[in-house]
Amino acid sequence: MRDTSEHSVTPLYSQAIVQAAERLGLVLPAALLAELRPGQRVPLARQDALWEAFCAASDNPLAGLRLGLEMQIGHLDSAGMLLVTSDTLGEALEQLIEYAPVIGDGGEFSLRHSADQVFIDYQPDLTVRQAERVEAVFASQLNLTRWSTGGRFQPTGLWFTHTPLTQPEAYAQLIDCPLHFGAAHNSLGFSAEQLQLPLIQANGALREHLRQFADQTLAALGQHSLTAEVQRLVRQHPRWGKERMAAELDLSSRHLNRLLGEEGPSFKILRESVLQQMACRALRDDQRVARIAEDLGFSDEGAFVRAFRRWQGATPARYRDATDGSGAAS
């Protein structure tokens, strides 16, 4: 991991703040604007100063929420395009967790399951205008998720750890989603079945190109983790087991386990997550179940069907029928 003094944000996100200030007629310090160099990532300390100036110049306590609602995919750098070209909402969220540092440092996303609900959690690591920035994160996430699913996404609620910045009625005028404050997590919740919602701009060829570009950006930032590298290798070689993967990475199997454990999920969890994504995509592409089982390295079709039922809660045949009905497969 890099030292926190090296943390940065894509200039496109900073540009969104400057553009919002211009639309609202807010005057930001000229010296601060002069420090924003086109095409150069913005140090997190400078982004802090930009947020402070923006919120201080605004007389609206919901300036962050409004900014998030106006955020466009282009403001999220290549990671934004990578998300919306994914096949399903679930796949897009996996990409968000992996590639969020391309957009900027300052917080970490994770996915949490509880009964039939899924929560996108965000843990901020911010000291300046944290509440406003968290509201901006979730407002943009809610708005862009609705857009990318063609309006089909239906949240069950937004949860914030902070107290309201103004009267609840002011929030309700801007955002049509149940809001909860003083919560244990900053979260966007929705029903688990919506993970299968197809995205209207799904594009496999473009997605792979964007993924390579995002990988290069992470590597340049010093953020291309072993987890990301293992996921990439599993996509390329789904039949490989842990021993073969460790050898490719010039590690022992035990060392690979230890290093992955320091970052988060185990090799087994990582591999199964990627295989699940690949299986769902292959089924939507109408590939035969026996062929998918072979390509993904299962001993036989039955083993694949059992694994898929455990992953998705449905058989491959039922999943294919459901996605055919939703338009996710041709």
Protein backbone atom coordinates (compact mmCIF):
# COMPACT_ATOMS: atom_id res chain seq x y z
CA MET A 1 0.00 0.00 0.00
CA ARG A 2 1.10 3.54 -0.66
CA ASP A 3 1.73 6.10 2.02
CA THR A 4 -1.42 8.17 2.66
CA SER A 5 0.43 11.29 1.53
CA GLU A 6 0.40 9.79 -1.97
CA HIS A 7 -3.35 9.17 -2.08
CA SER A 8 -5.08 10.87 -4.99
CA VAL A 9 -8.29 11.34 -6.96
CA THR A 10 -8.95 11.32 -10.69
CA PRO A 11 -8.95 14.90 -12.05
CA LEU A 12 -12.33 14.18 -13.63
CA TYR A 13 -13.99 13.94 -10.20
CA SER A 14 -12.40 17.22 -9.13
CA GLN A 15 -13.59 18.70 -12.41
CA ALA A 16 -17.16 17.72 -11.50
CA ILE A 17 -16.89 19.84 -8.33
CA VAL A 18 -15.51 22.82 -10.24
CA GLN A 19 -18.25 22.52 -12.88
CA ALA A 20 -20.94 22.34 -10.20
CA ALA A 21 -19.54 25.48 -8.57
CA GLU A 22 -19.65 27.30 -11.91
CA ARG A 23 -23.28 26.29 -12.52
CA LEU A 24 -24.23 27.51 -9.04
CA GLY A 25 -22.26 30.74 -9.35
CA LEU A 26 -19.96 29.82 -6.47
CA VAL A 27 -16.51 31.40 -6.31
CA LEU A 28 -13.70 29.01 -5.45
CA PRO A 29 -10.20 30.26 -4.47
CA ALA A 30 -8.21 31.08 -7.60
CA ALA A 31 -5.01 29.71 -6.07
CA LEU A 32 -6.71 26.38 -5.43
CA LEU A 33 -8.08 26.17 -8.97
CA ALA A 34 -4.63 26.95 -10.35
CA GLU A 35 -3.28 23.87 -8.58
CA LEU A 36 -5.66 21.59 -10.51
CA ARG A 37 -3.61 20.54 -13.51
CA PRO A 38 -5.41 19.03 -16.54
CA GLY A 39 -4.80 15.30 -16.81
CA GLN A 40 -2.97 15.04 -13.48
CA ARG A 41 -4.41 13.19 -10.51
CA VAL A 42 -5.29 15.41 -7.58
CA PRO A 43 -3.59 14.73 -4.22
CA LEU A 44 -6.16 13.85 -1.58
CA ALA A 45 -5.11 16.83 0.56
CA ARG A 46 -5.89 19.17 -2.35
CA GLN A 47 -9.20 17.38 -2.91
CA ASP A 48 -9.97 17.99 0.76
CA ALA A 49 -9.35 21.71 0.24
CA LEU A 50 -11.57 21.70 -2.83
CA TRP A 51 -14.43 20.07 -0.94
CA GLU A 52 -14.07 22.52 1.94
CA ALA A 53 -14.11 25.49 -0.43
CA PHE A 54 -17.10 24.14 -2.35
CA CYS A 55 -19.21 23.44 0.74
CA ALA A 56 -18.21 26.71 2.44
CA ALA A 57 -19.16 28.73 -0.65
CA SER A 58 -22.56 27.03 -0.83
CA ASP A 59 -25.37 28.02 1.51
CA ASN A 60 -26.97 24.61 0.99
CA PRO A 61 -26.22 21.92 3.59
CA LEU A 62 -27.04 19.31 0.95
CA ALA A 63 -24.41 20.52 -1.49
CA GLY A 64 -22.72 17.11 -1.48
CA LEU A 65 -25.98 15.25 -2.13
CA ARG A 66 -26.82 17.58 -5.01
CA LEU A 67 -23.35 17.14 -6.48
CA GLY A 68 -23.71 13.37 -6.36
CA LEU A 69 -27.04 13.49 -8.18
CA GLU A 70 -25.42 15.49 -10.98
CA MET A 71 -22.41 13.20 -11.33
CA GLN A 72 -21.91 11.63 -14.76
CA ILE A 73 -20.18 8.38 -15.70
CA GLY A 74 -17.36 10.35 -17.32
CA HIS A 75 -16.49 11.93 -13.97
CA LEU A 76 -15.56 8.45 -12.65
CA ASP A 77 -12.69 7.92 -15.09
CA SER A 78 -12.23 4.58 -16.88
CA ALA A 79 -13.66 2.77 -13.84
CA GLY A 80 -17.04 4.39 -14.46
CA MET A 81 -17.20 3.11 -18.03
CA LEU A 82 -15.98 -0.30 -16.88
CA LEU A 83 -18.89 -0.52 -14.44
CA VAL A 84 -21.63 0.39 -16.90
CA THR A 85 -20.35 -1.97 -19.62
CA SER A 86 -20.68 -4.94 -17.25
CA ASP A 87 -23.38 -7.49 -18.03
CA THR A 88 -25.25 -7.31 -14.71
CA LEU A 89 -25.50 -5.15 -11.64
CA GLY A 90 -23.78 -7.84 -9.58
CA GLU A 91 -20.80 -7.90 -11.92
CA ALA A 92 -20.63 -4.10 -11.89
CA LEU A 93 -20.47 -4.07 -8.10
CA GLU A 94 -17.61 -6.58 -8.11
CA GLN A 95 -15.77 -4.24 -10.47
CA LEU A 96 -16.53 -1.27 -8.20
CA ILE A 97 -14.90 -2.97 -5.22
CA GLU A 98 -11.81 -3.83 -7.25
CA TYR A 99 -11.37 -0.63 -9.25
CA ALA A 100 -12.65 2.13 -6.94
CA PRO A 101 -9.06 3.41 -6.38
CA VAL A 102 -9.01 4.46 -10.05
CA ILE A 103 -11.70 6.99 -9.14
CA GLY A 104 -10.00 7.99 -5.93
CA ASP A 105 -8.66 7.12 -2.52
CA GLY A 106 -10.46 8.11 0.62
CA GLY A 107 -12.73 5.14 1.21
CA GLU A 108 -13.39 1.46 0.60
CA PHE A 109 -16.43 -0.33 -0.83
CA SER A 110 -17.60 -3.79 0.18
CA LEU A 111 -20.62 -5.99 -0.48
CA ARG A 112 -22.62 -7.38 2.43
CA HIS A 113 -25.39 -9.99 2.27
CA SER A 114 -28.12 -10.27 4.89
CA ALA A 115 -31.02 -12.70 4.31
CA ASP A 116 -32.49 -11.70 0.93
CA GLN A 117 -30.94 -8.23 1.03
CA VAL A 118 -27.63 -6.94 -0.31
CA PHE A 119 -25.86 -3.84 0.95
CA ILE A 120 -23.14 -1.82 -0.74
CA ASP A 121 -21.13 -0.52 2.21
CA TYR A 122 -18.75 2.40 2.07
CA GLN A 123 -16.16 2.99 4.77
CA PRO A 124 -14.74 6.51 4.38
CA ASP A 125 -11.24 7.49 5.43
CA LEU A 126 -11.84 11.23 5.28
CA THR A 127 -11.32 14.04 7.75
CA VAL A 128 -12.79 16.96 5.75
CA ARG A 129 -16.54 17.26 5.02
CA GLN A 130 -16.99 13.53 5.50
CA ALA A 131 -20.80 13.61 5.73
CA GLU A 132 -21.18 15.70 2.56
CA ARG A 133 -18.77 13.47 0.64
CA VAL A 134 -20.44 10.25 1.77
CA GLU A 135 -23.80 11.65 0.65
CA ALA A 136 -22.25 12.53 -2.71
CA VAL A 137 -20.91 8.98 -3.09
CA PHE A 138 -24.29 7.35 -2.48
CA ALA A 139 -26.34 9.89 -4.42
CA SER A 140 -24.19 9.29 -7.49
CA GLN A 141 -24.27 5.54 -6.92
CA LEU A 142 -28.05 5.50 -6.65
CA ASN A 143 -28.58 7.76 -9.65
CA LEU A 144 -26.11 6.02 -11.95
CA THR A 145 -27.32 2.54 -10.94
CA ARG A 146 -30.86 3.49 -11.85
CA TRP A 147 -29.65 4.90 -15.15
CA SER A 148 -27.44 1.93 -16.03
CA THR A 149 -30.31 -0.53 -15.40
CA GLY A 150 -32.79 1.46 -17.47
CA GLY A 151 -34.67 2.56 -14.37
CA ARG A 152 -35.28 -0.99 -13.12
CA PHE A 153 -33.17 -0.72 -9.96
CA GLN A 154 -35.30 -0.35 -6.84
CA PRO A 155 -33.41 0.38 -3.60
CA THR A 156 -34.80 -0.56 -0.21
CA GLY A 157 -33.01 2.31 1.49
CA LEU A 158 -29.95 4.43 2.14
CA TRP A 159 -28.23 4.28 5.53
CA PHE A 160 -25.82 6.93 6.83
CA THR A 161 -23.75 6.86 10.00
CA HIS A 162 -23.98 10.65 10.40
CA THR A 163 -26.93 12.70 11.62
CA PRO A 164 -29.03 14.66 9.06
CA LEU A 165 -27.36 17.81 7.77
CA THR A 166 -30.76 19.52 7.48
CA GLN A 167 -34.46 18.75 7.82
CA PRO A 168 -35.54 15.33 6.46
CA GLU A 169 -38.05 17.06 4.21
CA ALA A 170 -35.19 18.68 2.28
CA TYR A 171 -33.68 15.26 1.60
CA ALA A 172 -37.05 13.90 0.45
CA GLN A 173 -37.35 16.66 -2.14
CA LEU A 174 -34.12 15.53 -3.78
CA ILE A 175 -34.03 11.77 -3.42
CA ASP A 176 -36.94 9.30 -3.60
CA CYS A 177 -35.47 6.59 -1.42
CA PRO A 178 -36.02 5.72 2.27
CA LEU A 179 -33.27 7.36 4.33
CA HIS A 180 -31.91 6.29 7.70
CA PHE A 181 -29.40 8.20 9.81
CA GLY A 182 -27.23 7.23 12.76
CA ALA A 183 -26.77 3.76 11.26
CA ALA A 184 -23.95 1.30 11.86
CA HIS A 185 -22.84 1.44 8.21
CA ASN A 186 -22.98 3.80 5.27
CA SER A 187 -24.97 1.59 2.90
CA LEU A 188 -27.23 1.33 -0.12
CA GLY A 189 -29.59 -1.63 0.25
CA PHE A 190 -31.61 -3.60 -2.29
CA SER A 191 -33.09 -7.07 -2.83
CA ALA A 192 -30.58 -9.79 -3.75
CA GLU A 193 -32.48 -10.73 -6.90
CA GLN A 194 -31.55 -7.36 -8.40
CA LEU A 195 -27.93 -8.47 -8.67
CA GLN A 196 -29.06 -10.14 -11.91
CA LEU A 197 -30.45 -6.94 -13.45
CA PRO A 198 -28.91 -6.51 -16.94
CA LEU A 199 -27.18 -3.22 -17.70
CA ILE A 200 -28.36 -1.32 -20.76
CA GLN A 201 -24.83 -0.53 -21.98
CA ALA A 202 -23.32 -4.02 -21.51
CA ASN A 203 -20.45 -4.47 -23.94
CA GLY A 204 -18.06 -7.38 -23.43
CA ALA A 205 -15.37 -6.31 -25.91
CA LEU A 206 -15.24 -2.75 -24.61
CA ARG A 207 -15.32 -3.97 -21.02
CA GLU A 208 -12.22 -6.11 -21.48
CA HIS A 209 -10.37 -3.20 -23.06
CA LEU A 210 -11.38 -0.92 -20.19
CA ARG A 211 -10.37 -3.55 -17.66
CA GLN A 212 -6.86 -3.67 -19.10
CA PHE A 213 -6.64 0.12 -18.94
CA ALA A 214 -7.93 0.15 -15.36
CA ASP A 215 -5.40 -2.54 -14.40
CA GLN A 216 -2.63 -0.36 -15.81
CA THR A 217 -3.90 2.61 -13.82
CA LEU A 218 -4.01 0.59 -10.61
CA ALA A 219 -0.50 -0.68 -11.25
CA ALA A 220 0.74 2.88 -11.80
CA LEU A 221 -0.91 3.92 -8.54
CA GLY A 222 0.68 1.04 -6.67
CA GLN A 223 -2.83 -0.30 -6.00
CA HIS A 224 -2.80 -3.41 -8.21
CA SER A 225 -3.12 -5.92 -5.44
CA LEU A 226 -2.41 -9.61 -5.45
CA THR A 227 -6.17 -10.11 -5.23
CA ALA A 228 -6.67 -8.28 -8.53
CA GLU A 229 -3.85 -10.25 -10.16
CA VAL A 230 -5.34 -13.57 -9.03
CA GLN A 231 -8.76 -12.55 -10.37
CA ARG A 232 -7.19 -11.66 -13.71
CA LEU A 233 -5.40 -15.00 -13.94
CA VAL A 234 -8.54 -16.95 -13.03
CA ARG A 235 -10.39 -15.20 -15.86
CA GLN A 236 -7.62 -16.22 -18.26
CA HIS A 237 -7.12 -19.74 -16.87
CA PRO A 238 -10.30 -20.85 -15.06
CA ARG A 239 -9.14 -24.48 -14.87
CA TRP A 240 -6.03 -23.65 -12.85
CA GLY A 241 -5.96 -24.65 -9.21
CA LYS A 242 -4.13 -22.99 -6.34
CA GLU A 243 -0.83 -24.80 -6.93
CA ARG A 244 -0.66 -23.82 -10.61
CA MET A 245 -1.69 -20.26 -9.80
CA ALA A 246 0.96 -19.95 -7.09
CA ALA A 247 3.63 -21.25 -9.49
CA GLU A 248 2.61 -18.66 -12.10
CA LEU A 249 3.03 -15.94 -9.46
CA ASP A 250 6.38 -17.40 -8.37
CA LEU A 251 5.00 -18.12 -4.91
CA SER A 252 4.50 -21.22 -2.83
CA SER A 253 0.90 -22.29 -2.25
CA ARG A 254 1.24 -21.47 1.45
CA HIS A 255 2.72 -18.04 0.73
CA LEU A 256 -0.09 -17.27 -1.72
CA ASN A 257 -2.64 -18.16 0.95
CA ARG A 258 -0.95 -15.96 3.53
CA LEU A 259 -0.66 -12.93 1.24
CA LEU A 260 -4.26 -13.20 0.09
CA GLY A 261 -5.35 -13.54 3.70
CA GLU A 262 -3.69 -10.20 4.46
CA GLU A 263 -5.71 -8.54 1.69
CA GLY A 264 -9.05 -10.23 2.29
CA PRO A 265 -10.76 -13.17 0.53
CA SER A 266 -9.07 -16.56 0.23
CA PHE A 267 -8.06 -18.10 -3.09
CA LYS A 268 -11.08 -20.40 -3.01
CA ILE A 269 -13.50 -17.50 -2.53
CA LEU A 270 -11.78 -15.39 -5.20
CA ARG A 271 -11.75 -18.22 -7.73
CA GLU A 272 -15.38 -19.13 -7.13
CA SER A 273 -16.46 -15.50 -7.44
CA VAL A 274 -14.79 -15.21 -10.86
CA LEU A 275 -16.11 -18.62 -12.00
CA GLN A 276 -19.61 -17.56 -10.95
CA GLN A 277 -19.37 -14.42 -13.11
CA MET A 278 -18.02 -16.42 -16.05
CA ALA A 279 -20.72 -19.07 -15.70
CA CYS A 280 -23.52 -16.50 -15.63
CA ARG A 281 -22.12 -14.78 -18.70
CA ALA A 282 -21.78 -18.07 -20.58
CA LEU A 283 -25.37 -19.04 -19.76
CA ARG A 284 -26.64 -15.68 -20.97
CA ASP A 285 -24.68 -16.32 -24.18
CA ASP A 286 -26.61 -19.60 -24.50
CA GLN A 287 -23.60 -21.89 -24.18
CA ARG A 288 -24.26 -25.55 -23.35
CA VAL A 289 -24.03 -26.45 -19.66
CA ALA A 290 -21.68 -29.35 -20.36
CA ARG A 291 -19.32 -27.05 -22.27
CA ILE A 292 -19.37 -24.46 -19.49
CA ALA A 293 -18.59 -27.13 -16.90
CA GLU A 294 -15.61 -28.32 -18.94
CA ASP A 295 -14.29 -24.81 -19.67
CA LEU A 296 -14.43 -23.86 -16.00
CA GLY A 297 -12.61 -26.98 -14.85
CA PHE A 298 -15.40 -28.95 -13.18
CA SER A 299 -15.09 -32.74 -13.07
CA ASP A 300 -18.48 -33.17 -14.73
CA GLU A 301 -21.73 -31.39 -15.49
CA GLY A 302 -23.31 -32.48 -12.21
CA ALA A 303 -20.54 -30.90 -10.16
CA PHE A 304 -21.01 -27.64 -12.02
CA VAL A 305 -24.79 -27.68 -11.53
CA ARG A 306 -24.38 -28.22 -7.78
CA ALA A 307 -21.86 -25.37 -7.53
CA PHE A 308 -24.05 -23.05 -9.60
CA ARG A 309 -27.10 -23.79 -7.43
CA ARG A 310 -25.03 -22.93 -4.37
CA TRP A 311 -23.86 -19.65 -5.96
CA GLN A 312 -27.12 -18.43 -7.46
CA GLY A 313 -29.82 -20.32 -5.58
CA ALA A 314 -31.09 -21.71 -8.90
CA THR A 315 -30.10 -24.32 -11.46
CA PRO A 316 -28.34 -23.20 -14.67
CA ALA A 317 -31.50 -23.98 -16.65
CA ARG A 318 -33.69 -21.87 -14.39
CA TYR A 319 -31.16 -19.05 -14.41
CA ARG A 320 -31.03 -19.12 -18.23
CA ASP A 321 -34.82 -19.02 -18.45
CA ALA A 322 -34.98 -16.08 -16.06
CA THR A 323 -32.37 -14.04 -17.92
CA ASP A 324 -33.95 -14.85 -21.27
CA GLY A 325 -37.16 -13.41 -19.92
CA SER A 326 -35.43 -10.22 -18.75
CA GLY A 327 -33.67 -9.61 -22.03
CA ALA A 328 -30.21 -10.27 -20.64
CA ALA A 329 -29.52 -13.01 -23.15
CA SER A 330 -30.26 -13.17 -26.83
